[in-house]
């Protein structure tokens, strides 16, 4: 009986040693992980409209928009060497009633934040920012209207389009 116990202990010890020594069966497989990131661009403006209040041109030669500063967020996925651009283009001059208008070039903006650019509204595209590679950029624009005694009384409006491009 003692002999059977000793044999059993030896068998258990050998099996334990064999497993610990790596004599257990193993198998390995590889898995390839693929990911696709396409060019993407997302632009967020903090407001959908800006307003310039009436003011005395002598006292206020430049009217600040009531909404200043307007937050701007640019998000883009592109190659590391590609240039991401933000442009703005007015659809025309500020239009009032009848034939009254104010030249859109009387609207300017300042910019804060890396890569954002100050400028003057135009009916042709104007650069409002430029960056290299992918990223999430934030800044602000502050808008101003050059005030003048020559503007006819009335309310004026125009649409401008911001375009973010990530090639």
Protein backbone atom coordinates (compact mmCIF):
# COMPACT_ATOMS: atom_id res chain seq x y z
CA UNK A 1 0.00 0.00 0.00
CA UNK A 2 2.84 2.35 0.83
CA UNK A 3 4.37 1.50 -2.47
CA UNK A 4 1.20 2.54 -4.35
CA UNK A 5 1.10 5.86 -2.52
CA UNK A 6 4.73 6.54 -3.37
CA UNK A 7 4.10 5.64 -7.03
CA UNK A 8 1.00 7.86 -7.13
CA UNK A 9 2.93 10.78 -5.59
CA UNK A 10 5.73 10.27 -8.12
CA UNK A 11 3.27 10.20 -11.04
CA UNK A 12 1.57 13.41 -9.85
CA UNK A 13 4.97 15.05 -9.36
CA UNK A 14 6.10 14.05 -12.86
CA UNK A 15 2.92 15.38 -14.45
CA UNK A 16 3.19 18.65 -12.54
CA UNK A 17 6.86 18.96 -13.55
CA UNK A 18 6.01 18.21 -17.21
CA UNK A 19 3.33 20.88 -17.32
CA UNK A 20 5.57 23.41 -15.59
CA UNK A 21 8.43 22.54 -17.96
CA UNK A 22 6.31 23.43 -20.96
CA UNK A 23 5.51 19.99 -22.24
CA UNK A 24 1.87 21.00 -22.57
CA UNK A 25 0.47 21.29 -26.08
CA UNK A 26 0.18 24.84 -27.50
CA UNK A 27 -1.00 26.47 -30.73
CA UNK A 28 -0.71 30.05 -32.02
CA UNK A 29 -2.50 32.01 -34.72
CA UNK A 30 -1.97 35.58 -35.94
CA UNK A 31 -4.63 38.22 -36.47
CA UNK A 32 -4.14 41.18 -38.80
CA UNK A 33 -5.76 44.40 -37.59
CA UNK A 34 -6.70 46.92 -40.31
CA UNK A 35 -8.05 50.44 -39.88
CA UNK A 36 -9.08 52.99 -42.50
CA UNK A 37 -9.10 56.73 -41.78
CA UNK A 38 -10.49 58.80 -44.65
CA UNK A 39 -10.16 62.55 -45.18
CA UNK A 40 -12.75 64.26 -43.00
CA UNK A 41 -13.50 67.87 -42.15
CA UNK A 42 -15.84 69.36 -39.55
CA UNK A 43 -16.41 73.07 -38.93
CA UNK A 44 -18.35 74.53 -36.01
CA UNK A 45 -19.22 78.21 -35.66
CA UNK A 46 -20.41 79.37 -32.24
CA UNK A 47 -23.32 81.37 -33.73
CA UNK A 48 -25.40 81.27 -36.90
CA UNK A 49 -25.77 85.05 -37.28
CA UNK A 50 -24.05 88.26 -36.20
CA UNK A 51 -25.64 91.67 -35.63
CA UNK A 52 -24.27 95.21 -35.86
CA UNK A 53 -26.27 97.83 -33.95
CA UNK A 54 -26.77 101.35 -35.25
CA UNK A 55 -24.24 103.83 -33.87
CA UNK A 56 -23.05 107.39 -34.39
CA UNK A 57 -20.21 107.18 -36.97
CA UNK A 58 -18.31 110.01 -35.24
CA UNK A 59 -18.40 108.28 -31.86
CA UNK A 60 -18.16 104.68 -33.19
CA UNK A 61 -16.23 104.47 -36.47
CA UNK A 62 -16.10 100.68 -36.21
CA UNK A 63 -19.11 98.76 -34.86
CA UNK A 64 -18.34 95.46 -33.11
CA UNK A 65 -20.79 92.61 -33.62
CA UNK A 66 -22.94 92.00 -30.56
CA UNK A 67 -21.91 88.32 -30.57
CA UNK A 68 -18.12 88.94 -30.44
CA UNK A 69 -16.03 86.90 -30.00
CA UNK A 70 -17.44 83.99 -32.03
CA UNK A 71 -15.89 80.59 -31.30
CA UNK A 72 -14.65 78.57 -34.26
CA UNK A 73 -13.69 74.89 -34.13
CA UNK A 74 -11.95 73.10 -37.00
CA UNK A 75 -11.51 69.32 -36.99
CA UNK A 76 -9.76 67.48 -39.82
CA UNK A 77 -8.33 64.09 -40.72
CA UNK A 78 -5.86 64.20 -43.58
CA UNK A 79 -2.28 63.16 -44.36
CA UNK A 80 0.45 64.62 -42.17
CA UNK A 81 1.73 66.84 -44.99
CA UNK A 82 -1.64 68.03 -46.38
CA UNK A 83 -2.82 71.59 -45.88
CA UNK A 84 -6.21 72.10 -44.24
CA UNK A 85 -7.82 75.40 -45.28
CA UNK A 86 -10.70 77.52 -44.06
CA UNK A 87 -12.14 80.15 -46.42
CA UNK A 88 -15.06 82.55 -46.24
CA UNK A 89 -17.00 84.01 -49.15
CA UNK A 90 -19.90 86.46 -49.12
CA UNK A 91 -22.78 85.90 -51.51
CA UNK A 92 -22.83 89.65 -52.21
CA UNK A 93 -22.96 93.07 -50.54
CA UNK A 94 -25.14 93.74 -47.50
CA UNK A 95 -28.58 94.32 -49.01
CA UNK A 96 -31.28 96.60 -47.62
CA UNK A 97 -34.67 97.56 -48.97
CA UNK A 98 -34.92 98.50 -52.64
CA UNK A 99 -31.52 99.16 -54.13
CA UNK A 100 -29.86 100.12 -50.81
CA UNK A 101 -26.64 98.28 -50.07
CA UNK A 102 -23.45 98.45 -48.04
CA UNK A 103 -20.27 97.06 -49.62
CA UNK A 104 -19.40 93.74 -47.98
CA UNK A 105 -15.76 94.91 -47.78
CA UNK A 106 -16.88 97.13 -44.88
CA UNK A 107 -17.11 93.95 -42.76
CA UNK A 108 -13.79 92.77 -41.32
CA UNK A 109 -12.75 90.31 -38.63
CA UNK A 110 -9.88 89.70 -36.27
CA UNK A 111 -8.80 86.20 -35.33
CA UNK A 112 -7.25 84.45 -32.36
CA UNK A 113 -5.93 80.91 -32.20
CA UNK A 114 -3.05 79.21 -34.01
CA UNK A 115 -3.59 79.15 -37.77
CA UNK A 116 -6.71 81.35 -37.81
CA UNK A 117 -6.40 84.50 -39.96
CA UNK A 118 -7.94 87.97 -39.83
CA UNK A 119 -9.46 89.39 -42.99
CA UNK A 120 -11.97 91.42 -44.94
CA UNK A 121 -15.21 90.01 -46.36
CA UNK A 122 -15.32 89.66 -50.12
CA UNK A 123 -17.44 88.04 -52.82
CA UNK A 124 -14.38 85.94 -53.70
CA UNK A 125 -13.02 83.34 -51.23
CA UNK A 126 -10.83 84.82 -48.48
CA UNK A 127 -8.50 82.75 -46.28
CA UNK A 128 -9.68 82.52 -42.67
CA UNK A 129 -7.22 79.83 -41.56
CA UNK A 130 -4.65 77.25 -42.59
CA UNK A 131 -3.03 74.24 -40.88
CA UNK A 132 -0.88 71.25 -41.78
CA UNK A 133 -2.07 67.72 -41.04
CA UNK A 134 -4.86 66.31 -38.92
CA UNK A 135 -6.04 67.93 -35.73
CA UNK A 136 -8.63 69.73 -33.66
CA UNK A 137 -8.12 73.51 -33.65
CA UNK A 138 -10.08 76.18 -31.79
CA UNK A 139 -10.06 79.94 -32.10
CA UNK A 140 -12.29 82.99 -32.24
CA UNK A 141 -13.36 85.57 -34.81
CA UNK A 142 -14.46 89.09 -33.85
CA UNK A 143 -16.42 90.94 -36.54
CA UNK A 144 -16.56 94.69 -37.22
CA UNK A 145 -18.53 96.95 -39.55
CA UNK A 146 -16.91 100.18 -40.73
CA UNK A 147 -19.47 102.81 -39.79
CA UNK A 148 -20.40 105.67 -42.15
CA UNK A 149 -22.78 108.63 -42.44
CA UNK A 150 -23.25 107.59 -46.09
CA UNK A 151 -25.21 104.39 -45.31
CA UNK A 152 -28.92 104.73 -46.13
CA UNK A 153 -31.27 104.12 -43.20
CA UNK A 154 -32.54 100.52 -43.03
CA UNK A 155 -31.82 96.91 -42.15
CA UNK A 156 -29.23 95.01 -44.18
CA UNK A 157 -28.43 91.34 -44.56
CA UNK A 158 -26.21 88.93 -46.49
CA UNK A 159 -25.13 85.31 -46.22
CA UNK A 160 -21.48 84.32 -46.04
CA UNK A 161 -20.23 80.76 -46.48
CA UNK A 162 -17.31 79.25 -44.56
CA UNK A 163 -15.67 76.28 -46.29
CA UNK A 164 -13.28 73.89 -44.55
CA UNK A 165 -11.21 71.71 -46.86
CA UNK A 166 -9.09 68.71 -45.88
CA UNK A 167 -7.68 67.25 -49.11
